[in-house]
C-alpha atoms as a PDB file:
ATOM      1  CA  MET A   1       0.149   0.470  -0.062  1.00  0.00           C
ATOM      2  CA  PRO A   2       1.489   3.324  -0.870  1.00  0.00           C
ATOM      3  CA  VAL A   3       2.650   5.870   1.719  1.00  0.00           C
ATOM      4  CA  THR A   4       0.657   9.058   1.717  1.00  0.00           C
ATOM      5  CA  ILE A   5       1.929  12.230   1.882  1.00  0.00           C
ATOM      6  CA  SER A   6       1.031  13.071   5.397  1.00  0.00           C
ATOM      7  CA  GLU A   7       2.646   9.513   6.533  1.00  0.00           C
ATOM      8  CA  ARG A   8       5.705  10.782   4.890  1.00  0.00           C
ATOM      9  CA  TYR A   9       5.153  13.935   6.947  1.00  0.00           C
ATOM     10  CA  ALA A  10       4.350  12.390  10.303  1.00  0.00           C
ATOM     11  CA  GLU A  11       7.716   9.704   9.894  1.00  0.00           C
ATOM     12  CA  LEU A  12       9.404  12.892   9.179  1.00  0.00           C
ATOM     13  CA  LEU A  13       8.615  14.764  12.380  1.00  0.00           C
ATOM     14  CA  GLN A  14       9.282  11.451  14.352  1.00  0.00           C
ATOM     15  CA  ARG A  15      12.845  11.233  12.752  1.00  0.00           C
ATOM     16  CA  ALA A  16      13.346  15.171  13.771  1.00  0.00           C
ATOM     17  CA  VAL A  17      12.130  14.786  17.220  1.00  0.00           C
ATOM     18  CA  PHE A  18      14.209  11.503  18.099  1.00  0.00           C
ATOM     19  CA  THR A  19      17.386  11.920  15.961  1.00  0.00           C
ATOM     20  CA  GLU A  20      20.380  12.322  17.803  1.00  0.00           C
ATOM     21  CA  GLU A  21      22.621  12.405  14.787  1.00  0.00           C
ATOM     22  CA  PRO A  22      23.341  16.032  13.231  1.00  0.00           C
ATOM     23  CA  LEU A  23      23.401  14.668  10.236  1.00  0.00           C
ATOM     24  CA  ALA A  24      20.000  12.611  10.383  1.00  0.00           C
ATOM     25  CA  PHE A  25      18.514  15.665  11.465  1.00  0.00           C
ATOM     26  CA  GLU A  26      19.827  17.481   8.406  1.00  0.00           C
ATOM     27  CA  THR A  27      18.969  14.940   6.222  1.00  0.00           C
ATOM     28  CA  ALA A  28      15.062  14.982   7.854  1.00  0.00           C
ATOM     29  CA  LEU A  29      15.497  18.911   6.935  1.00  0.00           C
ATOM     30  CA  THR A  30      16.155  18.199   3.149  1.00  0.00           C
ATOM     31  CA  GLU A  31      13.251  15.906   2.660  1.00  0.00           C
ATOM     32  CA  ALA A  32      10.966  18.390   4.499  1.00  0.00           C
ATOM     33  CA  ALA A  33      12.154  21.039   1.513  1.00  0.00           C
ATOM     34  CA  ASP A  34      11.422  18.341  -1.084  1.00  0.00           C
ATOM     35  CA  LEU A  35       8.204  17.729   0.309  1.00  0.00           C
ATOM     36  CA  GLY A  36       7.455  21.016   0.433  1.00  0.00           C
ATOM     37  CA  ARG A  37       8.111  21.382  -3.420  1.00  0.00           C
ATOM     38  CA  GLU A  38       6.083  18.380  -3.938  1.00  0.00           C
ATOM     39  CA  LEU A  39       2.850  19.757  -2.566  1.00  0.00           C
ATOM     40  CA  VAL A  40       2.827  22.712  -4.678  1.00  0.00           C
ATOM     41  CA  THR A  41       3.491  20.116  -7.559  1.00  0.00           C
ATOM     42  CA  LEU A  42       0.401  17.967  -6.425  1.00  0.00           C
ATOM     43  CA  LYS A  43      -1.398  21.692  -6.371  1.00  0.00           C
ATOM     44  CA  MET A  44      -2.254  21.047  -2.324  1.00  0.00           C
ATOM     45  CA  PRO A  45      -3.651  24.086  -1.029  1.00  0.00           C
ATOM     46  CA  LEU A  46      -1.722  26.419   1.906  1.00  0.00           C
ATOM     47  CA  GLU A  47      -4.820  25.351   4.386  1.00  0.00           C
ATOM     48  CA  GLU A  48      -4.136  21.787   3.768  1.00  0.00           C
ATOM     49  CA  VAL A  49      -0.249  21.713   4.573  1.00  0.00           C
ATOM     50  CA  GLY A  50      -1.651  22.857   7.915  1.00  0.00           C
ATOM     51  CA  GLU A  51      -4.131  20.605   8.389  1.00  0.00           C
ATOM     52  CA  MET A  52      -1.192  17.709   7.361  1.00  0.00           C
ATOM     53  CA  HIS A  53       1.277  19.476  10.535  1.00  0.00           C
ATOM     54  CA  HIS A  54      -1.804  18.849  12.741  1.00  0.00           C
ATOM     55  CA  GLU A  55      -2.748  15.464  11.904  1.00  0.00           C
ATOM     56  CA  ALA A  56       0.917  14.497  12.122  1.00  0.00           C
ATOM     57  CA  LEU A  57       1.703  16.222  15.585  1.00  0.00           C
ATOM     58  CA  LEU A  58      -1.783  14.461  16.729  1.00  0.00           C
ATOM     59  CA  GLN A  59      -0.403  10.937  15.579  1.00  0.00           C
ATOM     60  CA  LEU A  60       2.570  11.954  17.427  1.00  0.00           C
ATOM     61  CA  ALA A  61       1.131  12.318  20.238  1.00  0.00           C
ATOM     62  CA  ARG A  62      -0.861   9.343  19.966  1.00  0.00           C
ATOM     63  CA  ARG A  63       2.252   7.320  19.089  1.00  0.00           C
ATOM     64  CA  TYR A  64       4.003   8.541  22.027  1.00  0.00           C
ATOM     65  CA  PRO A  65       1.655  10.017  24.515  1.00  0.00           C
ATOM     66  CA  ASP A  66       4.988  10.233  27.543  1.00  0.00           C
ATOM     67  CA  LEU A  67       7.175  12.453  25.009  1.00  0.00           C
ATOM     68  CA  PRO A  68       8.018  15.572  26.784  1.00  0.00           C
ATOM     69  CA  LEU A  69       6.575  18.776  24.970  1.00  0.00           C
ATOM     70  CA  ALA A  70       9.485  20.582  25.262  1.00  0.00           C
ATOM     71  CA  GLN A  71      11.489  17.912  23.414  1.00  0.00           C
ATOM     72  CA  ALA A  72       8.833  17.982  21.034  1.00  0.00           C
ATOM     73  CA  ALA A  73       8.694  21.627  20.526  1.00  0.00           C
ATOM     74  CA  ALA A  74      12.208  21.951  20.123  1.00  0.00           C
ATOM     75  CA  HIS A  75      12.455  19.604  16.913  1.00  0.00           C
ATOM     76  CA  ILE A  76       9.130  19.913  14.845  1.00  0.00           C
ATOM     77  CA  THR A  77       9.503  23.630  14.252  1.00  0.00           C
ATOM     78  CA  VAL A  78      12.692  23.667  11.831  1.00  0.00           C
ATOM     79  CA  PRO A  79      11.147  20.861   9.420  1.00  0.00           C
ATOM     80  CA  LEU A  80       7.697  22.716   9.280  1.00  0.00           C
ATOM     81  CA  MET A  81       9.653  25.774   8.511  1.00  0.00           C
ATOM     82  CA  GLU A  82      11.391  24.438   5.785  1.00  0.00           C
ATOM     83  CA  VAL A  83       8.364  22.641   4.201  1.00  0.00           C
ATOM     84  CA  TYR A  84       6.461  26.167   4.247  1.00  0.00           C
ATOM     85  CA  MET A  85       9.811  27.901   2.632  1.00  0.00           C
ATOM     86  CA  ALA A  86       9.993  25.441   0.256  1.00  0.00           C
ATOM     87  CA  TYR A  87       6.340  25.304  -0.401  1.00  0.00           C
ATOM     88  CA  SER A  88       6.230  29.042  -1.061  1.00  0.00           C
ATOM     89  CA  LEU A  89       9.281  29.301  -3.335  1.00  0.00           C
ATOM     90  CA  ALA A  90       7.853  26.882  -5.287  1.00  0.00           C
ATOM     91  CA  PHE A  91       4.903  28.121  -5.568  1.00  0.00           C
ATOM     92  CA  ARG A  92       6.175  31.768  -6.680  1.00  0.00           C
ATOM     93  CA  VAL A  93       8.109  30.174  -9.334  1.00  0.00           C
ATOM     94  CA  GLN A  94       5.363  28.776 -10.804  1.00  0.00           C
ATOM     95  CA  VAL A  95       3.024  31.772 -10.740  1.00  0.00           C
ATOM     96  CA  GLU A  96       5.972  33.660 -12.252  1.00  0.00           C
ATOM     97  CA  GLN A  97       6.574  30.940 -14.675  1.00  0.00           C
ATOM     98  CA  ARG A  98       2.580  31.455 -15.648  1.00  0.00           C
ATOM     99  CA  ALA A  99       2.723  35.107 -15.601  1.00  0.00           C
ATOM    100  CA  GLU A 100       5.704  35.009 -18.068  1.00  0.00           C
ATOM    101  CA  ALA A 101       3.921  32.517 -20.277  1.00  0.00           C
ATOM    102  CA  ILE A 102       0.648  34.891 -20.110  1.00  0.00           C
ATOM    103  CA  ILE A 103       2.542  37.757 -21.082  1.00  0.00           C
ATOM    104  CA  SER A 104       4.574  36.209 -23.777  1.00  0.00           C
ATOM    105  CA  ALA A 105       1.607  34.682 -25.534  1.00  0.00           C
ATOM    106  CA  ARG A 106       0.095  38.166 -25.639  1.00  0.00           C
ATOM    107  CA  LEU A 107       2.879  39.958 -26.619  1.00  0.00           C
ATOM    108  CA  GLU A 108       3.157  37.344 -29.403  1.00  0.00           C
ATOM    109  CA  GLN A 109      -0.349  37.741 -30.054  1.00  0.00           C
ATOM    110  CA  SER A 110      -0.006  41.535 -30.390  1.00  0.00           C
ATOM    111  CA  ARG A 111       2.940  41.374 -32.682  1.00  0.00           C
ATOM    112  CA  ARG A 112       1.006  38.958 -35.076  1.00  0.00           C
ATOM    113  CA  LEU A 113      -1.835  41.499 -34.909  1.00  0.00           C
ATOM    114  CA  GLU A 114       0.330  44.167 -35.411  1.00  0.00           C
ATOM    115  CA  ALA A 115       2.171  42.682 -38.373  1.00  0.00           C
ATOM    116  CA  ILE A 116      -1.309  41.532 -40.536  1.00  0.00           C
ATOM    117  CA  GLY A 117      -2.872  44.748 -39.423  1.00  0.00           C
ATOM    118  CA  THR A 118       0.083  46.383 -41.869  1.00  0.00           C
ATOM    119  CA  LEU A 119      -0.396  43.845 -44.666  1.00  0.00           C
ATOM    120  CA  ALA A 120      -4.022  44.344 -44.795  1.00  0.00           C
ATOM    121  CA  ALA A 121      -3.964  48.328 -44.863  1.00  0.00           C
ATOM    122  CA  GLY A 122      -1.791  47.967 -48.027  1.00  0.00           C
ATOM    123  CA  ILE A 123      -3.627  45.096 -49.670  1.00  0.00           C
ATOM    124  CA  ALA A 124      -7.141  47.171 -48.269  1.00  0.00           C
ATOM    125  CA  HIS A 125      -6.191  50.191 -49.807  1.00  0.00           C
ATOM    126  CA  ASP A 126      -4.784  48.450 -53.104  1.00  0.00           C
ATOM    127  CA  PHE A 127      -8.070  46.498 -53.848  1.00  0.00           C
ATOM    128  CA  ASN A 128     -10.369  49.150 -53.075  1.00  0.00           C
ATOM    129  CA  ASN A 129      -8.509  50.965 -55.841  1.00  0.00           C
ATOM    130  CA  ILE A 130      -9.065  47.955 -58.172  1.00  0.00           C
ATOM    131  CA  LEU A 131     -12.932  47.822 -56.834  1.00  0.00           C
ATOM    132  CA  GLY A 132     -13.653  51.222 -57.250  1.00  0.00           C
ATOM    133  CA  VAL A 133     -13.101  50.820 -61.186  1.00  0.00           C
ATOM    134  CA  ILE A 134     -14.774  48.021 -61.009  1.00  0.00           C
ATOM    135  CA  VAL A 135     -17.754  49.489 -59.704  1.00  0.00           C
ATOM    136  CA  GLY A 136     -17.360  52.486 -61.440  1.00  0.00           C
ATOM    137  CA  PHE A 137     -17.334  50.969 -65.214  1.00  0.00           C
ATOM    138  CA  SER A 138     -20.242  48.337 -64.321  1.00  0.00           C
ATOM    139  CA  GLU A 139     -22.208  51.571 -63.382  1.00  0.00           C
ATOM    140  CA  LEU A 140     -21.333  53.222 -66.367  1.00  0.00           C
ATOM    141  CA  LEU A 141     -22.138  49.889 -68.139  1.00  0.00           C
ATOM    142  CA  ALA A 142     -25.601  49.712 -66.830  1.00  0.00           C
ATOM    143  CA  ASP A 143     -26.872  52.913 -68.370  1.00  0.00           C
ATOM    144  CA  GLU A 144     -26.022  51.691 -71.746  1.00  0.00           C
ATOM    145  CA  ILE A 145     -27.931  48.488 -71.490  1.00  0.00           C
ATOM    146  CA  ALA A 146     -31.972  48.149 -71.193  1.00  0.00           C
ATOM    147  CA  ALA A 147     -33.070  47.534 -67.922  1.00  0.00           C
ATOM    148  CA  ASP A 148     -35.130  44.795 -68.580  1.00  0.00           C
ATOM    149  CA  SER A 149     -32.405  42.819 -70.079  1.00  0.00           C
ATOM    150  CA  ILE A 150     -30.225  39.826 -68.958  1.00  0.00           C
ATOM    151  CA  GLY A 151     -26.927  41.478 -68.770  1.00  0.00           C
ATOM    152  CA  HIS A 152     -28.348  44.153 -66.986  1.00  0.00           C
ATOM    153  CA  GLN A 153     -29.355  41.740 -64.374  1.00  0.00           C
ATOM    154  CA  HIS A 154     -25.938  40.037 -64.499  1.00  0.00           C
ATOM    155  CA  LEU A 155     -24.275  43.700 -63.922  1.00  0.00           C
ATOM    156  CA  LYS A 156     -26.356  43.834 -60.828  1.00  0.00           C
ATOM    157  CA  PHE A 157     -24.931  40.518 -59.337  1.00  0.00           C
ATOM    158  CA  ILE A 158     -21.408  41.942 -60.374  1.00  0.00           C
ATOM    159  CA  GLN A 159     -22.140  45.238 -58.382  1.00  0.00           C
ATOM    160  CA  GLN A 160     -23.760  43.463 -55.647  1.00  0.00           C
ATOM    161  CA  ALA A 161     -20.547  41.193 -55.080  1.00  0.00           C
ATOM    162  CA  SER A 162     -18.555  44.419 -55.561  1.00  0.00           C
ATOM    163  CA  PHE A 163     -20.418  46.170 -52.462  1.00  0.00           C
ATOM    164  CA  ARG A 164     -19.945  42.966 -50.342  1.00  0.00           C
ATOM    165  CA  ALA A 165     -16.023  43.203 -51.083  1.00  0.00           C
ATOM    166  CA  ARG A 166     -16.170  46.877 -50.287  1.00  0.00           C
ATOM    167  CA  ASP A 167     -18.121  46.263 -46.782  1.00  0.00           C
ATOM    168  CA  LEU A 168     -14.923  43.482 -46.243  1.00  0.00           C
ATOM    169  CA  ILE A 169     -12.428  45.563 -47.280  1.00  0.00           C
ATOM    170  CA  ALA A 170     -13.774  48.441 -44.771  1.00  0.00           C
ATOM    171  CA  ARG A 171     -13.538  45.799 -42.143  1.00  0.00           C
ATOM    172  CA  LEU A 172      -9.974  45.627 -42.729  1.00  0.00           C
ATOM    173  CA  LEU A 173      -9.591  48.758 -42.822  1.00  0.00           C
ATOM    174  CA  THR A 174     -10.787  49.556 -39.272  1.00  0.00           C
ATOM    175  CA  PHE A 175      -8.873  46.212 -38.097  1.00  0.00           C
ATOM    176  CA  ALA A 176      -5.663  47.902 -39.538  1.00  0.00           C
ATOM    177  CA  ARG A 177      -6.222  51.392 -38.728  1.00  0.00           C
ATOM    178  CA  THR A 178      -4.844  53.317 -35.517  1.00  0.00           C
ATOM    179  CA  MET A 179      -7.608  54.948 -32.898  1.00  0.00           C
ATOM    180  CA  SER A 180      -8.378  58.685 -33.665  1.00  0.00           C
ATOM    181  CA  ASP A 181      -5.961  60.793 -31.811  1.00  0.00           C
ATOM    182  CA  THR A 182      -9.012  63.185 -30.328  1.00  0.00           C
ATOM    183  CA  PRO A 183     -11.429  60.840 -28.864  1.00  0.00           C
ATOM    184  CA  VAL A 184     -13.566  62.336 -26.345  1.00  0.00           C
ATOM    185  CA  PRO A 185     -15.975  61.354 -23.373  1.00  0.00           C
ATOM    186  CA  VAL A 186     -18.763  58.903 -24.125  1.00  0.00           C
ATOM    187  CA  GLU A 187     -21.531  58.215 -21.985  1.00  0.00           C
ATOM    188  CA  VAL A 188     -22.030  54.735 -22.443  1.00  0.00           C
ATOM    189  CA  VAL A 189     -25.043  53.489 -20.618  1.00  0.00           C
ATOM    190  CA  ALA A 190     -27.154  55.744 -23.104  1.00  0.00           C
ATOM    191  CA  LEU A 191     -24.876  54.899 -26.081  1.00  0.00           C
ATOM    192  CA  ILE A 192     -25.550  51.205 -25.138  1.00  0.00           C
ATOM    193  CA  ARG A 193     -29.230  51.454 -25.051  1.00  0.00           C
ATOM    194  CA  GLU A 194     -29.722  53.178 -28.050  1.00  0.00           C
ATOM    195  CA  THR A 195     -27.380  50.524 -29.886  1.00  0.00           C
ATOM    196  CA  VAL A 196     -29.552  47.582 -28.169  1.00  0.00           C
ATOM    197  CA  ASN A 197     -32.724  49.298 -29.830  1.00  0.00           C
ATOM    198  CA  LEU A 198     -31.023  48.821 -33.018  1.00  0.00           C
ATOM    199  CA  LEU A 199     -30.008  45.257 -32.608  1.00  0.00           C
ATOM    200  CA  HIS A 200     -33.694  44.426 -31.586  1.00  0.00           C
ATOM    201  CA  ALA A 201     -34.713  45.573 -35.356  1.00  0.00           C
ATOM    202  CA  SER A 202     -31.954  43.640 -37.189  1.00  0.00           C
ATOM    203  CA  LEU A 203     -31.860  40.344 -34.860  1.00  0.00           C
ATOM    204  CA  PRO A 204     -33.869  37.520 -35.461  1.00  0.00           C
ATOM    205  CA  THR A 205     -37.458  37.711 -33.635  1.00  0.00           C
ATOM    206  CA  GLU A 206     -36.994  34.515 -31.753  1.00  0.00           C
ATOM    207  CA  ILE A 207     -33.548  35.817 -30.312  1.00  0.00           C
ATOM    208  CA  ARG A 208     -34.378  37.733 -26.847  1.00  0.00           C
ATOM    209  CA  LEU A 209     -31.988  40.691 -26.161  1.00  0.00           C
ATOM    210  CA  ARG A 210     -31.823  41.608 -22.388  1.00  0.00           C
ATOM    211  CA  PHE A 211     -29.559  44.677 -21.578  1.00  0.00           C
ATOM    212  CA  GLU A 212     -29.222  45.303 -17.317  1.00  0.00           C
ATOM    213  CA  THR A 213     -26.819  47.829 -15.916  1.00  0.00           C
ATOM    214  CA  THR A 214     -25.953  48.526 -11.947  1.00  0.00           C
ATOM    215  CA  VAL A 215     -25.468  52.090 -12.878  1.00  0.00           C
ATOM    216  CA  SER A 216     -27.017  55.355 -14.045  1.00  0.00           C
ATOM    217  CA  SER A 217     -23.880  56.892 -16.617  1.00  0.00           C
ATOM    218  CA  ALA A 218     -20.346  55.833 -17.103  1.00  0.00           C
ATOM    219  CA  LEU A 219     -17.411  57.474 -19.286  1.00  0.00           C
ATOM    220  CA  VAL A 220     -14.901  56.386 -21.457  1.00  0.00           C
ATOM    221  CA  LEU A 221     -12.945  57.892 -23.282  1.00  0.00           C
ATOM    222  CA  ALA A 222     -13.302  56.470 -27.262  1.00  0.00           C
ATOM    223  CA  GLU A 223     -15.652  57.366 -30.031  1.00  0.00           C
ATOM    224  CA  SER A 224     -19.497  56.287 -29.989  1.00  0.00           C
ATOM    225  CA  SER A 225     -19.220  54.372 -33.150  1.00  0.00           C
ATOM    226  CA  GLN A 226     -15.932  52.016 -31.715  1.00  0.00           C
ATOM    227  CA  ILE A 227     -18.636  51.238 -28.702  1.00  0.00           C
ATOM    228  CA  GLN A 228     -21.615  50.473 -31.059  1.00  0.00           C
ATOM    229  CA  GLN A 229     -19.414  48.329 -33.271  1.00  0.00           C
ATOM    230  CA  ILE A 230     -18.292  46.268 -30.240  1.00  0.00           C
ATOM    231  CA  LEU A 231     -21.567  45.911 -29.014  1.00  0.00           C
ATOM    232  CA  MET A 232     -22.476  45.168 -32.275  1.00  0.00           C
ATOM    233  CA  ASN A 233     -20.648  42.703 -33.454  1.00  0.00           C
ATOM    234  CA  LEU A 234     -20.526  40.764 -30.370  1.00  0.00           C
ATOM    235  CA  CYS A 235     -24.333  40.389 -30.293  1.00  0.00           C
ATOM    236  CA  ILE A 236     -24.376  39.152 -34.498  1.00  0.00           C
ATOM    237  CA  ASN A 237     -21.941  37.229 -33.395  1.00  0.00           C
ATOM    238  CA  ALA A 238     -23.498  35.690 -30.609  1.00  0.00           C
ATOM    239  CA  ALA A 239     -26.905  35.467 -32.438  1.00  0.00           C
ATOM    240  CA  ASP A 240     -24.934  33.382 -35.027  1.00  0.00           C
ATOM    241  CA  ALA A 241     -23.724  30.888 -32.199  1.00  0.00           C
ATOM    242  CA  ILE A 242     -27.489  30.570 -31.042  1.00  0.00           C
ATOM    243  CA  GLY A 243     -28.834  29.511 -34.933  1.00  0.00           C
ATOM    244  CA  ASN A 244     -32.083  29.263 -36.069  1.00  0.00           C
ATOM    245  CA  HIS A 245     -33.899  28.428 -32.567  1.00  0.00           C
ATOM    246  CA  PRO A 246     -34.850  30.915 -29.391  1.00  0.00           C
ATOM    247  CA  GLY A 247     -32.175  32.021 -27.396  1.00  0.00           C
ATOM    248  CA  THR A 248     -31.347  34.625 -25.001  1.00  0.00           C
ATOM    249  CA  ILE A 249     -28.586  37.443 -25.514  1.00  0.00           C
ATOM    250  CA  ASN A 250     -27.698  38.778 -22.216  1.00  0.00           C
ATOM    251  CA  ILE A 251     -25.617  42.074 -22.014  1.00  0.00           C
ATOM    252  CA  GLY A 252     -24.652  43.609 -18.638  1.00  0.00           C
ATOM    253  CA  LEU A 253     -22.418  46.863 -17.731  1.00  0.00           C
ATOM    254  CA  GLU A 254     -21.010  47.655 -14.548  1.00  0.00           C
ATOM    255  CA  LEU A 255     -18.558  49.357 -12.820  1.00  0.00           C
ATOM    256  CA  VAL A 256     -15.722  47.107 -11.436  1.00  0.00           C
ATOM    257  CA  SER A 257     -12.174  48.504  -9.143  1.00  0.00           C
ATOM    258  CA  LEU A 258      -9.459  45.530 -10.295  1.00  0.00           C
ATOM    259  CA  GLY A 259      -7.303  46.896  -7.719  1.00  0.00           C
ATOM    260  CA  LYS A 260      -5.998  49.238  -4.633  1.00  0.00           C
ATOM    261  CA  HIS A 261      -4.806  51.912  -7.303  1.00  0.00           C
ATOM    262  CA  ASP A 262      -7.591  51.238  -9.847  1.00  0.00           C
ATOM    263  CA  GLN A 263      -9.649  54.616 -10.697  1.00  0.00           C
ATOM    264  CA  GLY A 264     -12.543  52.386 -12.174  1.00  0.00           C
ATOM    265  CA  THR A 265     -13.414  49.753 -14.876  1.00  0.00           C
ATOM    266  CA  VAL A 266     -16.391  50.013 -16.656  1.00  0.00           C
ATOM    267  CA  ARG A 267     -17.067  46.120 -17.527  1.00  0.00           C
ATOM    268  CA  LEU A 268     -19.147  45.416 -20.548  1.00  0.00           C
ATOM    269  CA  THR A 269     -20.602  41.450 -20.719  1.00  0.00           C
ATOM    270  CA  VAL A 270     -22.162  40.211 -23.423  1.00  0.00           C
ATOM    271  CA  GLN A 271     -23.597  36.682 -22.639  1.00  0.00           C
ATOM    272  CA  ASP A 272     -25.102  34.034 -24.764  1.00  0.00           C
ATOM    273  CA  ASP A 273     -26.857  30.709 -24.628  1.00  0.00           C
ATOM    274  CA  GLY A 274     -25.715  29.314 -27.835  1.00  0.00           C
ATOM    275  CA  GLU A 275     -23.336  26.466 -29.164  1.00  0.00           C
ATOM    276  CA  GLY A 276     -20.425  27.247 -27.280  1.00  0.00           C
ATOM    277  CA  MET A 277     -16.605  26.933 -28.014  1.00  0.00           C
ATOM    278  CA  SER A 278     -14.276  24.350 -26.652  1.00  0.00           C
ATOM    279  CA  PRO A 279     -11.095  26.008 -24.946  1.00  0.00           C
ATOM    280  CA  GLU A 280      -8.969  25.704 -28.208  1.00  0.00           C
ATOM    281  CA  LEU A 281     -11.059  27.169 -30.329  1.00  0.00           C
ATOM    282  CA  CYS A 282     -11.099  29.959 -27.580  1.00  0.00           C
ATOM    283  CA  GLN A 283      -7.737  30.490 -27.584  1.00  0.00           C
ATOM    284  CA  ARG A 284      -8.133  31.354 -31.603  1.00  0.00           C
ATOM    285  CA  VAL A 285     -11.165  33.429 -31.792  1.00  0.00           C
ATOM    286  CA  PHE A 286      -9.360  36.659 -32.112  1.00  0.00           C
ATOM    287  CA  ASP A 287      -6.936  35.870 -34.674  1.00  0.00           C
ATOM    288  CA  PRO A 288      -7.627  37.647 -37.847  1.00  0.00           C
ATOM    289  CA  PHE A 289      -9.468  35.231 -40.517  1.00  0.00           C
ATOM    290  CA  PHE A 290     -10.009  32.625 -37.713  1.00  0.00           C
ATOM    291  CA  THR A 291     -13.821  31.483 -37.884  1.00  0.00           C
ATOM    292  CA  THR A 292     -16.113  28.342 -37.111  1.00  0.00           C
ATOM    293  CA  LYS A 293     -18.658  29.472 -39.491  1.00  0.00           C
ATOM    294  CA  ALA A 294     -19.298  27.555 -42.695  1.00  0.00           C
ATOM    295  CA  PRO A 295     -17.726  29.067 -45.940  1.00  0.00           C
ATOM    296  CA  GLY A 296     -19.487  32.152 -47.195  1.00  0.00           C
ATOM    297  CA  LYS A 297     -20.524  33.034 -43.915  1.00  0.00           C
ATOM    298  CA  GLY A 298     -18.173  34.738 -41.827  1.00  0.00           C
ATOM    299  CA  SER A 299     -14.765  36.499 -42.787  1.00  0.00           C
ATOM    300  CA  GLY A 300     -13.207  35.899 -39.691  1.00  0.00           C
ATOM    301  CA  LEU A 301     -12.671  39.482 -38.895  1.00  0.00           C
ATOM    302  CA  GLY A 302     -15.129  40.349 -36.535  1.00  0.00           C
ATOM    303  CA  LEU A 303     -13.528  39.418 -33.136  1.00  0.00           C
ATOM    304  CA  SER A 304     -10.182  40.649 -33.887  1.00  0.00           C
ATOM    305  CA  VAL A 305     -11.518  44.109 -35.076  1.00  0.00           C
ATOM    306  CA  ILE A 306     -13.196  44.126 -31.346  1.00  0.00           C
ATOM    307  CA  HIS A 307      -9.458  42.814 -29.942  1.00  0.00           C
ATOM    308  CA  GLY A 308      -7.965  45.615 -32.074  1.00  0.00           C
ATOM    309  CA  LEU A 309     -10.507  48.244 -30.797  1.00  0.00           C
ATOM    310  CA  VAL A 310     -10.814  47.450 -27.388  1.00  0.00           C
ATOM    311  CA  SER A 311      -6.721  47.354 -26.871  1.00  0.00           C
ATOM    312  CA  LYS A 312      -6.492  50.781 -28.775  1.00  0.00           C
ATOM    313  CA  LEU A 313      -9.120  51.873 -25.886  1.00  0.00           C
ATOM    314  CA  GLY A 314      -6.868  51.024 -23.065  1.00  0.00           C
ATOM    315  CA  GLY A 315      -8.962  47.803 -21.815  1.00  0.00           C
ATOM    316  CA  MET A 316      -9.195  43.885 -21.928  1.00  0.00           C
ATOM    317  CA  ILE A 317     -11.421  41.388 -23.763  1.00  0.00           C
ATOM    318  CA  ALA A 318     -11.735  37.938 -22.515  1.00  0.00           C
ATOM    319  CA  ILE A 319     -13.876  35.129 -23.058  1.00  0.00           C
ATOM    320  CA  SER A 320     -15.098  32.471 -21.057  1.00  0.00           C
ATOM    321  CA  SER A 321     -17.175  29.041 -22.876  1.00  0.00           C
ATOM    322  CA  THR A 322     -18.756  26.148 -22.328  1.00  0.00           C
ATOM    323  CA  PRO A 323     -19.596  23.698 -25.681  1.00  0.00           C
ATOM    324  CA  GLY A 324     -23.268  23.231 -25.690  1.00  0.00           C
ATOM    325  CA  LEU A 325     -24.039  26.235 -23.072  1.00  0.00           C
ATOM    326  CA  GLY A 326     -23.172  29.718 -24.674  1.00  0.00           C
ATOM    327  CA  SER A 327     -20.306  31.699 -24.499  1.00  0.00           C
ATOM    328  CA  ARG A 328     -19.566  34.857 -22.425  1.00  0.00           C
ATOM    329  CA  PHE A 329     -17.560  37.906 -23.208  1.00  0.00           C
ATOM    330  CA  VAL A 330     -16.151  40.172 -21.040  1.00  0.00           C
ATOM    331  CA  ILE A 331     -14.960  44.050 -22.070  1.00  0.00           C
ATOM    332  CA  ASP A 332     -12.995  46.064 -19.667  1.00  0.00           C
ATOM    333  CA  LEU A 333     -12.384  49.725 -20.515  1.00  0.00           C
ATOM    334  CA  PRO A 334     -10.636  52.436 -18.479  1.00  0.00           C
ATOM    335  CA  GLN A 335     -13.522  54.542 -16.350  1.00  0.00           C
ATOM    336  CA  LEU A 336     -13.748  58.348 -17.021  1.00  0.00           C
ATOM    337  CA  SER A 337     -14.158  59.993 -13.682  1.00  0.00           C
ATOM    338  CA  GLN A 338     -15.060  63.330 -14.834  1.00  0.00           C
ATOM    339  CA  CYS A 339     -15.017  64.909 -18.434  1.00  0.00           C
ATOM    340  CA  PRO A 340     -11.736  67.077 -19.035  1.00  0.00           C
ATOM    341  CA  PRO A 341     -12.179  70.652 -19.418  1.00  0.00           C
ATOM    342  CA  ASN A 342     -13.007  71.627 -22.788  1.00  0.00           C
ATOM    343  CA  ALA A 343     -13.542  67.747 -23.991  1.00  0.00           C
ATOM    344  CA  GLY A 344     -15.797  67.750 -26.970  1.00  0.00           C
ATOM    345  CA  ASP A 345     -15.312  71.150 -27.920  1.00  0.00           C
END
């Protein structure tokens, strides 16, 4: 039968109490340090480490009822300190490694998005010029062809495809462009209510759209169109995830504090009860041109545009999702405590 961690620690304390040899005592301390690092690897909470020590003391007292307290107290403190110190150091190293991994991943994503954005901007401008020629000459040709002819119908299809391409180029430029140098204080509560009213008219009738807020007003430094684009893209994606059956999209707005020195954060949440995503998909949803939709149903730019806008506003966006249960997007934007002088003039 394998020996448990608690039993190993109890045996270690017993050796520390009864050994008379300095080398044996040092060996016990080395094992205590190894045990502390092992506890971190096993992800044992710190309170359980204390419970393990308490149980080991009870075992020692039951096994040796005549053991003088002074003899035990003089020997058990040092092994316990070794366990705690090794546990704390190993835990700190793990936390630092996880933090470095997260930061490196975010930096790599930022570099990738920046590089793709630069490329997209160049391609978009060149393609826009070509598209302008196609649309212009198709309109001129339409004036020379009878409106009831088959050729005129073919031109309409050309123009419709060109307009869809123009919209795609506009989204590419939105993804690539830098934020305006003159953002203004935006009252997001009223703006979101207005956007929700617009969404009510555009989303399928079987999808319920709910907006709840815990504040009457909240200011962020941005452009109104940016906030509207973020919310509309998230809600359209949520509606796509729900599909052709009844569902609910919950929009929330609140003020939160992320730290002692944080001036306040405006938190916008969009949650749906759609098909949800796996953890692997969640890691890729903000990559440009990545989409889970069927061919022709999505460009893969919606969430990458949102990520770019949120980043330029100095905020953060996160996603949590469970397959079959829906997804939840959380956007934190810096709160503007008051309007700066002459703001918006």
